[in-house]
Amino acid sequence: MRRWRNTSRSWTISTASDMSFFLETDKTGLRPITTEDATDEYLGWLNNPEVTRGLDTGIFPTTREALVGFLKSMSSGKENQMFCIIDKSRGKHIGNIKLGNINWVNRNAELGILIGDMSAWGKGFGRDACTLLVRYAFDKLNLNKVWLAVYSNNEAAYNLYKKLGFVQEGCLRQHVFSDGRFVDKILMAVYNQVS
């Protein structure tokens, strides 16, 4: 079992008095998502097959009403913690990340991420956002395990998660239809080293 190593980039949990980010690195900021973030651009991400390739979303069209309803549900309790990913150099919302289905008894949560702005792909924002959220899950929420699911045809995401310390825990064979064929859904997790 691989444990989370709290040794990479520096990070902070900001207070409301010093800046608008809850979590941040030098280039990436995370702030809580609100219904005001249901912009045309965000809606466009969810309806773009290239952006949603490898995700459970994007199978059916998303309407603004559905998006607003989803964002309301994400902020209505403690079971989900969802954040906007901000490119600090441009002050631009480029995607979202969440800890979902937080189980406070068993101390685990599912990580989900979407980098919707394709001009931000491959620039380290996903790595920053995942690192920030996993550290938050372990250091502040006192969770023991963060897990995720990734499609087997999304090698870039799989390799990123491995670099971040996630290990494969299971595989649901031919579980999803993606790119015209059935592919595996791989389950990965990382554990808090202090638990």
Protein backbone atom coordinates (compact mmCIF):
# COMPACT_ATOMS: atom_id res chain seq x y z
CA MET A 1 0.00 0.00 0.00
CA ARG A 2 1.46 3.34 -1.01
CA ARG A 3 1.19 6.27 1.38
CA TRP A 4 0.95 9.94 0.48
CA ARG A 5 4.23 11.81 0.73
CA ASN A 6 3.76 15.40 1.81
CA THR A 7 7.03 16.62 0.26
CA SER A 8 6.41 18.31 -3.10
CA ARG A 9 5.53 21.93 -3.89
CA SER A 10 4.63 24.35 -1.18
CA TRP A 11 0.95 25.09 -0.68
CA THR A 12 -1.21 27.15 1.56
CA ILE A 13 -4.75 27.35 2.82
CA SER A 14 -5.63 30.99 2.41
CA THR A 15 -7.78 33.07 4.69
CA ALA A 16 -10.48 35.30 3.29
CA SER A 17 -8.55 38.38 4.40
CA ASP A 18 -5.44 37.82 2.29
CA MET A 19 -6.69 36.51 -1.10
CA SER A 20 -9.56 34.85 -2.89
CA PHE A 21 -8.06 31.34 -3.12
CA PHE A 22 -8.77 28.65 -0.58
CA LEU A 23 -5.80 26.56 -1.78
CA GLU A 24 -3.00 27.61 -4.10
CA THR A 25 0.43 27.07 -5.60
CA ASP A 26 2.45 29.72 -7.39
CA LYS A 27 0.44 29.31 -10.60
CA THR A 28 -2.79 27.49 -9.63
CA GLY A 29 -5.57 28.65 -7.32
CA LEU A 30 -8.60 26.75 -6.03
CA ARG A 31 -11.71 28.53 -4.81
CA PRO A 32 -15.14 27.18 -3.92
CA ILE A 33 -17.44 26.86 -6.92
CA THR A 34 -20.77 28.71 -7.00
CA THR A 35 -23.76 28.85 -9.33
CA GLU A 36 -22.28 32.07 -10.77
CA ASP A 37 -19.61 29.84 -12.35
CA ALA A 38 -22.25 28.28 -14.65
CA THR A 39 -20.98 30.35 -17.58
CA ASP A 40 -21.36 29.72 -21.30
CA GLU A 41 -17.73 28.61 -21.36
CA TYR A 42 -18.25 26.03 -18.59
CA LEU A 43 -21.39 24.76 -20.32
CA GLY A 44 -19.34 24.49 -23.52
CA TRP A 45 -16.78 22.26 -21.78
CA LEU A 46 -19.48 19.80 -20.72
CA ASN A 47 -20.88 19.61 -24.26
CA ASN A 48 -17.50 19.25 -25.99
CA PRO A 49 -16.72 15.57 -26.74
CA GLU A 50 -12.99 16.28 -26.83
CA VAL A 51 -13.10 17.73 -23.30
CA THR A 52 -15.35 15.02 -21.84
CA ARG A 53 -13.51 12.13 -23.50
CA GLY A 54 -12.61 9.77 -20.68
CA LEU A 55 -15.22 11.16 -18.29
CA ASP A 56 -18.61 9.89 -17.20
CA THR A 57 -20.13 13.24 -18.19
CA GLY A 58 -20.77 14.29 -21.79
CA ILE A 59 -22.83 11.28 -22.79
CA PHE A 60 -25.98 13.40 -23.01
CA PRO A 61 -26.23 17.18 -23.60
CA THR A 62 -25.99 19.38 -20.51
CA THR A 63 -28.38 22.33 -20.16
CA ARG A 64 -27.75 25.46 -18.11
CA GLU A 65 -30.55 24.44 -15.74
CA ALA A 66 -28.94 21.03 -15.17
CA LEU A 67 -25.54 22.65 -14.60
CA VAL A 68 -26.93 25.14 -12.06
CA GLY A 69 -28.76 22.31 -10.29
CA PHE A 70 -25.56 20.28 -10.14
CA LEU A 71 -23.58 23.20 -8.70
CA LYS A 72 -26.28 23.79 -6.07
CA SER A 73 -26.11 20.14 -5.04
CA MET A 74 -22.31 20.34 -4.75
CA SER A 75 -22.52 23.20 -2.27
CA SER A 76 -25.51 22.03 -0.24
CA GLY A 77 -23.73 19.80 2.28
CA LYS A 78 -20.46 18.42 3.55
CA GLU A 79 -20.42 15.28 1.35
CA ASN A 80 -18.87 17.13 -1.59
CA GLN A 81 -16.16 19.77 -1.74
CA MET A 82 -15.93 21.28 -5.24
CA PHE A 83 -13.53 23.96 -6.42
CA CYS A 84 -12.83 26.05 -9.49
CA ILE A 85 -9.31 25.64 -10.84
CA ILE A 86 -7.90 29.09 -11.64
CA ASP A 87 -4.90 29.91 -13.83
CA LYS A 88 -3.55 32.68 -11.61
CA SER A 89 -1.49 34.32 -14.39
CA ARG A 90 -4.66 34.94 -16.41
CA GLY A 91 -7.14 35.05 -13.53
CA LYS A 92 -9.15 32.51 -15.54
CA HIS A 93 -11.41 29.62 -14.53
CA ILE A 94 -9.98 26.68 -16.48
CA GLY A 95 -11.62 23.68 -14.83
CA ASN A 96 -12.97 22.08 -11.68
CA ILE A 97 -11.90 19.55 -9.09
CA LYS A 98 -13.82 17.88 -6.31
CA LEU A 99 -13.76 15.50 -3.44
CA GLY A 100 -17.07 13.70 -3.86
CA ASN A 101 -19.07 11.23 -1.83
CA ILE A 102 -17.02 12.00 1.28
CA ASN A 103 -17.60 9.26 3.80
CA TRP A 104 -16.83 10.77 7.21
CA VAL A 105 -17.11 7.44 9.05
CA ASN A 106 -14.82 5.46 6.74
CA ARG A 107 -12.71 8.58 6.02
CA ASN A 108 -12.51 8.33 2.22
CA ALA A 109 -13.56 10.37 -0.79
CA GLU A 110 -13.57 10.18 -4.58
CA LEU A 111 -11.47 12.67 -6.52
CA GLY A 112 -12.83 14.03 -9.81
CA ILE A 113 -11.20 16.59 -12.09
CA LEU A 114 -12.00 18.37 -15.36
CA ILE A 115 -9.65 20.75 -17.14
CA GLY A 116 -12.15 22.27 -19.55
CA ASP A 117 -10.00 25.02 -21.10
CA MET A 118 -8.04 23.08 -23.71
CA SER A 119 -5.41 25.84 -23.92
CA ALA A 120 -4.47 24.89 -20.33
CA TRP A 121 -3.91 21.20 -21.09
CA GLY A 122 -0.44 19.81 -20.46
CA LYS A 123 0.72 22.79 -18.41
CA GLY A 124 0.67 21.27 -14.93
CA PHE A 125 -2.63 22.70 -13.68
CA GLY A 126 -4.13 19.23 -13.19
CA ARG A 127 -1.08 18.09 -11.23
CA ASP A 128 -1.21 21.20 -9.03
CA ALA A 129 -4.95 20.90 -8.41
CA CYS A 130 -4.76 17.18 -7.54
CA THR A 131 -1.80 17.74 -5.21
CA LEU A 132 -3.59 20.58 -3.43
CA LEU A 133 -6.83 18.66 -3.00
CA VAL A 134 -5.21 15.44 -1.77
CA ARG A 135 -3.17 17.39 0.78
CA TYR A 136 -6.33 19.18 1.89
CA ALA A 137 -8.14 15.81 2.20
CA PHE A 138 -5.40 14.38 4.41
CA ASP A 139 -4.06 17.39 6.32
CA LYS A 140 -7.32 19.26 6.99
CA LEU A 141 -10.22 16.84 6.53
CA ASN A 142 -8.37 13.96 8.23
CA LEU A 143 -9.35 11.48 5.50
CA ASN A 144 -7.46 8.21 5.19
CA LYS A 145 -8.01 7.44 1.50
CA VAL A 146 -8.64 9.35 -1.71
CA TRP A 147 -9.68 7.22 -4.67
CA LEU A 148 -10.60 7.79 -8.30
CA ALA A 149 -11.59 6.02 -11.47
CA VAL A 150 -9.83 6.49 -14.81
CA TYR A 151 -10.57 4.97 -18.21
CA SER A 152 -7.86 2.67 -19.57
CA ASN A 153 -7.73 4.67 -22.82
CA ASN A 154 -6.77 7.84 -20.91
CA GLU A 155 -3.06 7.07 -20.52
CA ALA A 156 -2.05 10.66 -19.75
CA ALA A 157 -4.38 10.80 -16.75
CA TYR A 158 -3.38 7.32 -15.57
CA ASN A 159 0.32 8.25 -15.71
CA LEU A 160 -0.29 11.53 -13.89
CA TYR A 161 -2.11 9.76 -11.06
CA LYS A 162 0.72 7.22 -10.76
CA LYS A 163 3.25 10.08 -10.48
CA LEU A 164 1.12 11.59 -7.71
CA GLY A 165 1.30 8.37 -5.70
CA PHE A 166 -1.98 6.71 -6.66
CA VAL A 167 -1.82 2.95 -7.12
CA GLN A 168 -4.17 0.69 -9.02
CA GLU A 169 -6.53 -1.15 -6.69
CA GLY A 170 -8.94 -2.70 -9.14
CA CYS A 171 -10.17 -2.90 -12.69
CA LEU A 172 -13.71 -3.09 -14.00
CA ARG A 173 -13.23 -4.87 -17.31
CA GLN A 174 -14.93 -3.40 -20.42
CA HIS A 175 -16.99 -1.23 -18.10
CA VAL A 176 -17.44 1.93 -20.22
CA PHE A 177 -18.04 2.67 -23.88
CA SER A 178 -15.44 5.23 -25.01
CA ASP A 179 -14.08 6.13 -28.44
CA GLY A 180 -16.30 3.55 -30.11
CA ARG A 181 -15.26 0.59 -27.97
CA PHE A 182 -15.59 -0.86 -24.49
CA VAL A 183 -12.66 -0.01 -22.23
CA ASP A 184 -11.70 -0.81 -18.66
CA LYS A 185 -12.40 1.50 -15.75
CA ILE A 186 -9.36 1.46 -13.47
CA LEU A 187 -9.75 2.19 -9.75
CA MET A 188 -6.79 3.92 -8.09
CA ALA A 189 -6.16 5.23 -4.57
CA VAL A 190 -3.65 6.96 -2.36
CA TYR A 191 -3.51 6.73 1.44
CA ASN A 192 -2.68 9.18 4.19
CA GLN A 193 0.69 8.23 5.65
CA VAL A 194 -0.18 9.46 9.14
CA SER A 195 -3.30 7.29 9.58
